[in-house]
Amino acid sequence: CDGKPLSVLIESKLLHIHSLLCKCKLCSSTVKDQHDQ
């Protein structure tokens, strides 16, 4: 991103990695939730 690795955005907290236990639809493994994306 702009010549820098994506890890820079994560370290600067511009991107936030969800927890492994996150139950939101983005982290869902169901076919419907993935299909909706």
PDB file of all heavy atoms in Angstrom:
ATOM      1  N   CYS A   1       0.868  -1.178   0.000  1.00  0.00           N
ATOM      2  CA  CYS A   1       0.000   0.000   0.000  1.00  0.00           C
ATOM      3  C   CYS A   1       0.906   1.229   0.000  1.00  0.00           C
ATOM      4  O   CYS A   1       1.640   1.453   0.968  1.00  0.00           O
ATOM      5  CB  CYS A   1      -0.922  -0.005   1.220  1.00  0.00           C
ATOM      6  SG  CYS A   1      -1.976   1.455   1.366  1.00  0.00           S
ATOM      7  N   ASP A   2       0.860   1.998  -1.090  1.00  0.00           N
ATOM      8  CA  ASP A   2       1.743   3.162  -1.235  1.00  0.00           C
ATOM      9  C   ASP A   2       3.205   2.773  -1.054  1.00  0.00           C
ATOM     10  O   ASP A   2       3.984   3.495  -0.420  1.00  0.00           O
ATOM     11  CB  ASP A   2       1.366   4.258  -0.230  1.00  0.00           C
ATOM     12  CG  ASP A   2       0.009   4.870  -0.521  1.00  0.00           C
ATOM     13  OD1 ASP A   2      -0.402   4.872  -1.688  1.00  0.00           O
ATOM     14  OD2 ASP A   2      -0.649   5.340   0.431  1.00  0.00           O
ATOM     15  N   GLY A   3       3.572   1.609  -1.597  1.00  0.00           N
ATOM     16  CA  GLY A   3       4.961   1.176  -1.551  1.00  0.00           C
ATOM     17  C   GLY A   3       5.392   0.566  -0.241  1.00  0.00           C
ATOM     18  O   GLY A   3       6.562   0.209  -0.079  1.00  0.00           O
ATOM     19  N   LYS A   4       4.467   0.429   0.713  1.00  0.00           N
ATOM     20  CA  LYS A   4       4.804  -0.158   2.003  1.00  0.00           C
ATOM     21  C   LYS A   4       3.978  -1.420   2.225  1.00  0.00           C
ATOM     22  O   LYS A   4       2.848  -1.525   1.747  1.00  0.00           O
ATOM     23  CB  LYS A   4       4.530   0.849   3.125  1.00  0.00           C
ATOM     24  CG  LYS A   4       5.343   2.123   3.005  1.00  0.00           C
ATOM     25  CD  LYS A   4       4.989   3.100   4.111  1.00  0.00           C
ATOM     26  CE  LYS A   4       5.781   4.392   3.977  1.00  0.00           C
ATOM     27  NZ  LYS A   4       5.419   5.375   5.042  1.00  0.00           N
ATOM     28  N   PRO A   5       4.516  -2.386   2.961  1.00  0.00           N
ATOM     29  CA  PRO A   5       3.759  -3.618   3.214  1.00  0.00           C
ATOM     30  C   PRO A   5       2.513  -3.341   4.061  1.00  0.00           C
ATOM     31  O   PRO A   5       2.464  -2.377   4.826  1.00  0.00           O
ATOM     32  CB  PRO A   5       4.754  -4.507   3.950  1.00  0.00           C
ATOM     33  CG  PRO A   5       5.747  -3.563   4.540  1.00  0.00           C
ATOM     34  CD  PRO A   5       5.856  -2.424   3.572  1.00  0.00           C
ATOM     35  N   LEU A   6       1.542  -4.212   3.930  1.00  0.00           N
ATOM     36  CA  LEU A   6       0.278  -4.037   4.634  1.00  0.00           C
ATOM     37  C   LEU A   6       0.478  -4.050   6.153  1.00  0.00           C
ATOM     38  O   LEU A   6      -0.317  -3.467   6.898  1.00  0.00           O
ATOM     39  CB  LEU A   6      -0.693  -5.149   4.230  1.00  0.00           C
ATOM     40  CG  LEU A   6      -2.187  -4.816   4.322  1.00  0.00           C
ATOM     41  CD1 LEU A   6      -2.524  -3.629   3.441  1.00  0.00           C
ATOM     42  CD2 LEU A   6      -3.005  -6.033   3.907  1.00  0.00           C
ATOM     43  N   SER A   7       1.528  -4.683   6.600  1.00  0.00           N
ATOM     44  CA  SER A   7       1.798  -4.753   8.039  1.00  0.00           C
ATOM     45  C   SER A   7       1.945  -3.365   8.658  1.00  0.00           C
ATOM     46  O   SER A   7       1.672  -3.174   9.849  1.00  0.00           O
ATOM     47  CB  SER A   7       3.059  -5.577   8.305  1.00  0.00           C
ATOM     48  OG  SER A   7       4.176  -5.025   7.619  1.00  0.00           O
ATOM     49  N   VAL A   8       2.372  -2.378   7.860  1.00  0.00           N
ATOM     50  CA  VAL A   8       2.526  -1.013   8.367  1.00  0.00           C
ATOM     51  C   VAL A   8       1.181  -0.443   8.777  1.00  0.00           C
ATOM     52  O   VAL A   8       1.060   0.246   9.797  1.00  0.00           O
ATOM     53  CB  VAL A   8       3.188  -0.121   7.296  1.00  0.00           C
ATOM     54  CG1 VAL A   8       3.189   1.337   7.733  1.00  0.00           C
ATOM     55  CG2 VAL A   8       4.617  -0.591   7.026  1.00  0.00           C
ATOM     56  N   LEU A   9       0.131  -0.736   7.989  1.00  0.00           N
ATOM     57  CA  LEU A   9      -1.205  -0.249   8.322  1.00  0.00           C
ATOM     58  C   LEU A   9      -1.725  -0.904   9.601  1.00  0.00           C
ATOM     59  O   LEU A   9      -2.448  -0.295  10.383  1.00  0.00           O
ATOM     60  CB  LEU A   9      -2.179  -0.518   7.173  1.00  0.00           C
ATOM     61  CG  LEU A   9      -1.882   0.176   5.840  1.00  0.00           C
ATOM     62  CD1 LEU A   9      -2.966  -0.157   4.833  1.00  0.00           C
ATOM     63  CD2 LEU A   9      -1.775   1.682   6.024  1.00  0.00           C
ATOM     64  N   ILE A  10      -1.354  -2.160   9.781  1.00  0.00           N
ATOM     65  CA  ILE A  10      -1.784  -2.877  10.986  1.00  0.00           C
ATOM     66  C   ILE A  10      -1.052  -2.343  12.211  1.00  0.00           C
ATOM     67  O   ILE A  10      -1.658  -2.112  13.262  1.00  0.00           O
ATOM     68  CB  ILE A  10      -1.541  -4.391  10.822  1.00  0.00           C
ATOM     69  CG1 ILE A  10      -2.374  -4.926   9.649  1.00  0.00           C
ATOM     70  CG2 ILE A  10      -1.876  -5.141  12.095  1.00  0.00           C
ATOM     71  CD1 ILE A  10      -2.047  -6.348   9.275  1.00  0.00           C
ATOM     72  N   GLU A  11       0.256  -2.127  12.077  1.00  0.00           N
ATOM     73  CA  GLU A  11       1.045  -1.621  13.203  1.00  0.00           C
ATOM     74  C   GLU A  11       0.602  -0.218  13.610  1.00  0.00           C
ATOM     75  O   GLU A  11       0.631   0.138  14.792  1.00  0.00           O
ATOM     76  CB  GLU A  11       2.534  -1.621  12.828  1.00  0.00           C
ATOM     77  CG  GLU A  11       3.114  -3.029  12.670  1.00  0.00           C
ATOM     78  CD  GLU A  11       4.472  -3.024  12.003  1.00  0.00           C
ATOM     79  OE1 GLU A  11       4.968  -1.917  11.687  1.00  0.00           O
ATOM     80  OE2 GLU A  11       5.049  -4.107  11.793  1.00  0.00           O
ATOM     81  N   SER A  12       0.178   0.580  12.626  1.00  0.00           N
ATOM     82  CA  SER A  12      -0.275   1.947  12.933  1.00  0.00           C
ATOM     83  C   SER A  12      -1.749   1.983  13.311  1.00  0.00           C
ATOM     84  O   SER A  12      -2.304   3.057  13.532  1.00  0.00           O
ATOM     85  CB  SER A  12      -0.047   2.854  11.719  1.00  0.00           C
ATOM     86  OG  SER A  12      -0.789   2.383  10.594  1.00  0.00           O
ATOM     87  N   LYS A  13      -2.374   0.789  13.376  1.00  0.00           N
ATOM     88  CA  LYS A  13      -3.773   0.640  13.781  1.00  0.00           C
ATOM     89  C   LYS A  13      -4.767   1.270  12.809  1.00  0.00           C
ATOM     90  O   LYS A  13      -5.895   1.576  13.178  1.00  0.00           O
ATOM     91  CB  LYS A  13      -3.991   1.206  15.195  1.00  0.00           C
ATOM     92  CG  LYS A  13      -3.208   0.452  16.260  1.00  0.00           C
ATOM     93  CD  LYS A  13      -3.545   0.931  17.656  1.00  0.00           C
ATOM     94  CE  LYS A  13      -2.779   0.123  18.711  1.00  0.00           C
ATOM     95  NZ  LYS A  13      -3.097   0.569  20.084  1.00  0.00           N
ATOM     96  N   LEU A  14      -4.343   1.463  11.572  1.00  0.00           N
ATOM     97  CA  LEU A  14      -5.292   1.843  10.529  1.00  0.00           C
ATOM     98  C   LEU A  14      -6.134   0.641  10.129  1.00  0.00           C
ATOM     99  O   LEU A  14      -7.243   0.788   9.625  1.00  0.00           O
ATOM    100  CB  LEU A  14      -4.545   2.397   9.309  1.00  0.00           C
ATOM    101  CG  LEU A  14      -3.973   3.805   9.482  1.00  0.00           C
ATOM    102  CD1 LEU A  14      -3.113   4.186   8.298  1.00  0.00           C
ATOM    103  CD2 LEU A  14      -5.080   4.817   9.691  1.00  0.00           C
ATOM    104  N   LEU A  15      -5.588  -0.560  10.330  1.00  0.00           N
ATOM    105  CA  LEU A  15      -6.331  -1.802  10.144  1.00  0.00           C
ATOM    106  C   LEU A  15      -6.301  -2.573  11.454  1.00  0.00           C
ATOM    107  O   LEU A  15      -5.270  -2.599  12.144  1.00  0.00           O
ATOM    108  CB  LEU A  15      -5.731  -2.661   9.017  1.00  0.00           C
ATOM    109  CG  LEU A  15      -5.835  -2.114   7.599  1.00  0.00           C
ATOM    110  CD1 LEU A  15      -5.157  -3.073   6.621  1.00  0.00           C
ATOM    111  CD2 LEU A  15      -7.285  -1.895   7.193  1.00  0.00           C
ATOM    112  N   HIS A  16      -7.422  -3.199  11.771  1.00  0.00           N
ATOM    113  CA  HIS A  16      -7.541  -3.920  13.039  1.00  0.00           C
ATOM    114  C   HIS A  16      -7.850  -5.389  12.768  1.00  0.00           C
ATOM    115  O   HIS A  16      -8.849  -5.707  12.134  1.00  0.00           O
ATOM    116  CB  HIS A  16      -8.660  -3.290  13.874  1.00  0.00           C
ATOM    117  CG  HIS A  16      -9.055  -4.111  15.062  1.00  0.00           C
ATOM    118  ND1 HIS A  16      -8.242  -4.247  16.177  1.00  0.00           N
ATOM    119  CD2 HIS A  16     -10.178  -4.832  15.319  1.00  0.00           C
ATOM    120  CE1 HIS A  16      -8.851  -5.015  17.055  1.00  0.00           C
ATOM    121  NE2 HIS A  16     -10.027  -5.390  16.572  1.00  0.00           N
ATOM    122  N   ILE A  17      -6.970  -6.280  13.205  1.00  0.00           N
ATOM    123  CA  ILE A  17      -7.175  -7.722  13.004  1.00  0.00           C
ATOM    124  C   ILE A  17      -8.129  -8.252  14.060  1.00  0.00           C
ATOM    125  O   ILE A  17      -7.944  -8.031  15.253  1.00  0.00           O
ATOM    126  CB  ILE A  17      -5.836  -8.487  13.077  1.00  0.00           C
ATOM    127  CG1 ILE A  17      -4.903  -8.042  11.943  1.00  0.00           C
ATOM    128  CG2 ILE A  17      -6.075  -9.988  12.987  1.00  0.00           C
ATOM    129  CD1 ILE A  17      -3.579  -8.777  11.925  1.00  0.00           C
ATOM    130  N   HIS A  18      -9.160  -8.949  13.609  1.00  0.00           N
ATOM    131  CA  HIS A  18     -10.145  -9.491  14.531  1.00  0.00           C
ATOM    132  C   HIS A  18      -9.569 -10.649  15.344  1.00  0.00           C
ATOM    133  O   HIS A  18      -8.661 -11.363  14.887  1.00  0.00           O
ATOM    134  CB  HIS A  18     -11.380  -9.979  13.773  1.00  0.00           C
ATOM    135  CG  HIS A  18     -12.187  -8.879  13.168  1.00  0.00           C
ATOM    136  ND1 HIS A  18     -13.512  -9.018  12.835  1.00  0.00           N
ATOM    137  CD2 HIS A  18     -11.860  -7.600  12.845  1.00  0.00           C
ATOM    138  CE1 HIS A  18     -13.955  -7.894  12.322  1.00  0.00           C
ATOM    139  NE2 HIS A  18     -12.974  -7.017  12.306  1.00  0.00           N
ATOM    140  N   SER A  19     -10.127 -10.857  16.499  1.00  0.00           N
ATOM    141  CA  SER A  19      -9.736 -11.966  17.355  1.00  0.00           C
ATOM    142  C   SER A  19     -10.097 -13.302  16.709  1.00  0.00           C
ATOM    143  O   SER A  19     -11.041 -13.395  15.912  1.00  0.00           O
ATOM    144  CB  SER A  19     -10.447 -11.839  18.701  1.00  0.00           C
ATOM    145  OG  SER A  19     -10.469 -13.061  19.385  1.00  0.00           O
ATOM    146  N   LEU A  20      -9.351 -14.342  17.053  1.00  0.00           N
ATOM    147  CA  LEU A  20      -9.655 -15.683  16.550  1.00  0.00           C
ATOM    148  C   LEU A  20     -11.024 -16.160  17.031  1.00  0.00           C
ATOM    149  O   LEU A  20     -11.645 -17.023  16.410  1.00  0.00           O
ATOM    150  CB  LEU A  20      -8.579 -16.672  17.002  1.00  0.00           C
ATOM    151  CG  LEU A  20      -7.178 -16.487  16.391  1.00  0.00           C
ATOM    152  CD1 LEU A  20      -6.207 -17.479  17.035  1.00  0.00           C
ATOM    153  CD2 LEU A  20      -7.219 -16.687  14.880  1.00  0.00           C
ATOM    154  N   LEU A  21     -11.504 -15.602  18.116  1.00  0.00           N
ATOM    155  CA  LEU A  21     -12.807 -15.985  18.669  1.00  0.00           C
ATOM    156  C   LEU A  21     -13.920 -15.049  18.223  1.00  0.00           C
ATOM    157  O   LEU A  21     -15.050 -15.167  18.700  1.00  0.00           O
ATOM    158  CB  LEU A  21     -12.731 -15.993  20.202  1.00  0.00           C
ATOM    159  CG  LEU A  21     -11.677 -16.930  20.813  1.00  0.00           C
ATOM    160  CD1 LEU A  21     -11.673 -16.786  22.334  1.00  0.00           C
ATOM    161  CD2 LEU A  21     -11.939 -18.379  20.405  1.00  0.00           C
ATOM    162  N   CYS A  22     -13.608 -14.150  17.318  1.00  0.00           N
ATOM    163  CA  CYS A  22     -14.605 -13.183  16.850  1.00  0.00           C
ATOM    164  C   CYS A  22     -15.782 -13.900  16.194  1.00  0.00           C
ATOM    165  O   CYS A  22     -15.599 -14.838  15.413  1.00  0.00           O
ATOM    166  CB  CYS A  22     -13.977 -12.207  15.861  1.00  0.00           C
ATOM    167  SG  CYS A  22     -15.123 -10.962  15.231  1.00  0.00           S
ATOM    168  N   LYS A  23     -16.996 -13.451  16.512  1.00  0.00           N
ATOM    169  CA  LYS A  23     -18.207 -14.081  15.982  1.00  0.00           C
ATOM    170  C   LYS A  23     -18.935 -13.202  14.975  1.00  0.00           C
ATOM    171  O   LYS A  23     -20.083 -13.470  14.639  1.00  0.00           O
ATOM    172  CB  LYS A  23     -19.155 -14.417  17.142  1.00  0.00           C
ATOM    173  CG  LYS A  23     -18.590 -15.431  18.126  1.00  0.00           C
ATOM    174  CD  LYS A  23     -19.571 -15.719  19.248  1.00  0.00           C
ATOM    175  CE  LYS A  23     -19.004 -16.720  20.232  1.00  0.00           C
ATOM    176  NZ  LYS A  23     -19.965 -16.997  21.343  1.00  0.00           N
ATOM    177  N   CYS A  24     -18.288 -12.168  14.483  1.00  0.00           N
ATOM    178  CA  CYS A  24     -18.947 -11.292  13.512  1.00  0.00           C
ATOM    179  C   CYS A  24     -19.093 -12.002  12.175  1.00  0.00           C
ATOM    180  O   CYS A  24     -18.482 -13.051  11.924  1.00  0.00           O
ATOM    181  CB  CYS A  24     -18.176  -9.993  13.347  1.00  0.00           C
ATOM    182  SG  CYS A  24     -16.693 -10.121  12.323  1.00  0.00           S
ATOM    183  N   LYS A  25     -19.890 -11.429  11.300  1.00  0.00           N
ATOM    184  CA  LYS A  25     -20.179 -12.070  10.018  1.00  0.00           C
ATOM    185  C   LYS A  25     -18.958 -12.132   9.112  1.00  0.00           C
ATOM    186  O   LYS A  25     -18.860 -13.013   8.261  1.00  0.00           O
ATOM    187  CB  LYS A  25     -21.323 -11.344   9.323  1.00  0.00           C
ATOM    188  CG  LYS A  25     -22.651 -11.504  10.045  1.00  0.00           C
ATOM    189  CD  LYS A  25     -23.785 -10.860   9.285  1.00  0.00           C
ATOM    190  CE  LYS A  25     -25.109 -11.097  10.006  1.00  0.00           C
ATOM    191  NZ  LYS A  25     -26.248 -10.482   9.295  1.00  0.00           N
ATOM    192  N   LEU A  26     -18.038 -11.179   9.273  1.00  0.00           N
ATOM    193  CA  LEU A  26     -16.825 -11.215   8.459  1.00  0.00           C
ATOM    194  C   LEU A  26     -15.974 -12.436   8.793  1.00  0.00           C
ATOM    195  O   LEU A  26     -15.290 -12.983   7.920  1.00  0.00           O
ATOM    196  CB  LEU A  26     -16.004  -9.943   8.680  1.00  0.00           C
ATOM    197  CG  LEU A  26     -16.613  -8.627   8.193  1.00  0.00           C
ATOM    198  CD1 LEU A  26     -15.706  -7.470   8.566  1.00  0.00           C
ATOM    199  CD2 LEU A  26     -16.842  -8.659   6.688  1.00  0.00           C
ATOM    200  N   CYS A  27     -16.015 -12.845  10.045  1.00  0.00           N
ATOM    201  CA  CYS A  27     -15.212 -13.989  10.491  1.00  0.00           C
ATOM    202  C   CYS A  27     -15.994 -15.299  10.447  1.00  0.00           C
ATOM    203  O   CYS A  27     -15.454 -16.351  10.803  1.00  0.00           O
ATOM    204  CB  CYS A  27     -14.713 -13.748  11.906  1.00  0.00           C
ATOM    205  SG  CYS A  27     -13.618 -12.311  12.064  1.00  0.00           S
ATOM    206  N   SER A  28     -17.240 -15.235  10.034  1.00  0.00           N
ATOM    207  CA  SER A  28     -18.081 -16.435  10.007  1.00  0.00           C
ATOM    208  C   SER A  28     -17.623 -17.401   8.912  1.00  0.00           C
ATOM    209  O   SER A  28     -17.160 -16.994   7.851  1.00  0.00           O
ATOM    210  CB  SER A  28     -19.540 -16.031   9.764  1.00  0.00           C
ATOM    211  OG  SER A  28     -20.341 -17.173   9.553  1.00  0.00           O
ATOM    212  N   SER A  29     -17.786 -18.683   9.186  1.00  0.00           N
ATOM    213  CA  SER A  29     -17.406 -19.716   8.209  1.00  0.00           C
ATOM    214  C   SER A  29     -18.622 -20.268   7.475  1.00  0.00           C
ATOM    215  O   SER A  29     -18.490 -21.167   6.648  1.00  0.00           O
ATOM    216  CB  SER A  29     -16.670 -20.867   8.915  1.00  0.00           C
ATOM    217  OG  SER A  29     -17.503 -21.455   9.918  1.00  0.00           O
ATOM    218  N   THR A  30     -19.819 -19.742   7.765  1.00  0.00           N
ATOM    219  CA  THR A  30     -21.018 -20.251   7.099  1.00  0.00           C
ATOM    220  C   THR A  30     -21.032 -19.833   5.635  1.00  0.00           C
ATOM    221  O   THR A  30     -20.523 -18.764   5.273  1.00  0.00           O
ATOM    222  CB  THR A  30     -22.293 -19.740   7.779  1.00  0.00           C
ATOM    223  OG1 THR A  30     -22.394 -18.318   7.594  1.00  0.00           O
ATOM    224  CG2 THR A  30     -22.279 -20.051   9.271  1.00  0.00           C
ATOM    225  N   VAL A  31     -21.618 -20.663   4.807  1.00  0.00           N
ATOM    226  CA  VAL A  31     -21.667 -20.400   3.369  1.00  0.00           C
ATOM    227  C   VAL A  31     -22.421 -19.115   3.081  1.00  0.00           C
ATOM    228  O   VAL A  31     -22.017 -18.316   2.232  1.00  0.00           O
ATOM    229  CB  VAL A  31     -22.327 -21.588   2.634  1.00  0.00           C
ATOM    230  CG1 VAL A  31     -22.516 -21.260   1.158  1.00  0.00           C
ATOM    231  CG2 VAL A  31     -21.481 -22.847   2.793  1.00  0.00           C
ATOM    232  N   LYS A  32     -23.524 -18.884   3.798  1.00  0.00           N
ATOM    233  CA  LYS A  32     -24.345 -17.696   3.556  1.00  0.00           C
ATOM    234  C   LYS A  32     -23.569 -16.414   3.852  1.00  0.00           C
ATOM    235  O   LYS A  32     -23.551 -15.480   3.035  1.00  0.00           O
ATOM    236  CB  LYS A  32     -25.614 -17.724   4.403  1.00  0.00           C
ATOM    237  CG  LYS A  32     -26.497 -16.493   4.205  1.00  0.00           C
ATOM    238  CD  LYS A  32     -27.668 -16.492   5.160  1.00  0.00           C
ATOM    239  CE  LYS A  32     -28.542 -15.257   4.927  1.00  0.00           C
ATOM    240  NZ  LYS A  32     -27.771 -13.989   5.089  1.00  0.00           N
ATOM    241  N   ASP A  33     -22.922 -16.355   5.008  1.00  0.00           N
ATOM    242  CA  ASP A  33     -22.187 -15.152   5.377  1.00  0.00           C
ATOM    243  C   ASP A  33     -21.030 -14.889   4.419  1.00  0.00           C
ATOM    244  O   ASP A  33     -20.740 -13.729   4.082  1.00  0.00           O
ATOM    245  CB  ASP A  33     -21.661 -15.259   6.810  1.00  0.00           C
ATOM    246  CG  ASP A  33     -22.772 -15.118   7.840  1.00  0.00           C
ATOM    247  OD1 ASP A  33     -23.808 -14.518   7.503  1.00  0.00           O
ATOM    248  OD2 ASP A  33     -22.620 -15.623   8.969  1.00  0.00           O
ATOM    249  N   GLN A  34     -20.367 -15.939   3.968  1.00  0.00           N
ATOM    250  CA  GLN A  34     -19.285 -15.756   3.007  1.00  0.00           C
ATOM    251  C   GLN A  34     -19.828 -15.347   1.643  1.00  0.00           C
ATOM    252  O   GLN A  34     -19.225 -14.530   0.944  1.00  0.00           O
ATOM    253  CB  GLN A  34     -18.472 -17.043   2.898  1.00  0.00           C
ATOM    254  CG  GLN A  34     -17.678 -17.366   4.156  1.00  0.00           C
ATOM    255  CD  GLN A  34     -16.797 -18.594   4.004  1.00  0.00           C
ATOM    256  OE1 GLN A  34     -16.815 -19.261   2.974  1.00  0.00           O
ATOM    257  NE2 GLN A  34     -16.033 -18.901   5.037  1.00  0.00           N
ATOM    258  N   HIS A  35     -20.984 -15.902   1.287  1.00  0.00           N
ATOM    259  CA  HIS A  35     -21.602 -15.571   0.006  1.00  0.00           C
ATOM    260  C   HIS A  35     -22.060 -14.114  -0.019  1.00  0.00           C
ATOM    261  O   HIS A  35     -21.988 -13.437  -1.047  1.00  0.00           O
ATOM    262  CB  HIS A  35     -22.795 -16.503  -0.244  1.00  0.00           C
ATOM    263  CG  HIS A  35     -23.328 -16.437  -1.638  1.00  0.00           C
ATOM    264  ND1 HIS A  35     -22.530 -16.403  -2.756  1.00  0.00           N
ATOM    265  CD2 HIS A  35     -24.601 -16.401  -2.104  1.00  0.00           C
ATOM    266  CE1 HIS A  35     -23.271 -16.356  -3.846  1.00  0.00           C
ATOM    267  NE2 HIS A  35     -24.541 -16.334  -3.470  1.00  0.00           N
ATOM    268  N   ASP A  36     -22.520 -13.613   1.130  1.00  0.00           N
ATOM    269  CA  ASP A  36     -22.974 -12.229   1.217  1.00  0.00           C
ATOM    270  C   ASP A  36     -21.839 -11.232   1.023  1.00  0.00           C
ATOM    271  O   ASP A  36     -22.086 -10.050   0.781  1.00  0.00           O
ATOM    272  CB  ASP A  36     -23.651 -11.974   2.567  1.00  0.00           C
ATOM    273  CG  ASP A  36     -25.048 -12.553   2.634  1.00  0.00           C
ATOM    274  OD1 ASP A  36     -25.597 -12.886   1.560  1.00  0.00           O
ATOM    275  OD2 ASP A  36     -25.588 -12.700   3.753  1.00  0.00           O
ATOM    276  N   GLN A  37     -20.603 -11.681   1.132  1.00  0.00           N
ATOM    277  CA  GLN A  37     -19.454 -10.798   0.941  1.00  0.00           C
ATOM    278  C   GLN A  37     -18.982 -10.746  -0.509  1.00  0.00           C
ATOM    279  O   GLN A  37     -18.021 -10.049  -0.829  1.00  0.00           O
ATOM    280  CB  GLN A  37     -18.295 -11.249   1.831  1.00  0.00           C
ATOM    281  CG  GLN A  37     -18.578 -11.199   3.317  1.00  0.00           C
ATOM    282  CD  GLN A  37     -17.423 -11.728   4.140  1.00  0.00           C
ATOM    283  OE1 GLN A  37     -16.254 -11.438   3.862  1.00  0.00           O
ATOM    284  NE2 GLN A  37     -17.724 -12.521   5.153  1.00  0.00           N
TER     285      GLN A  37
END
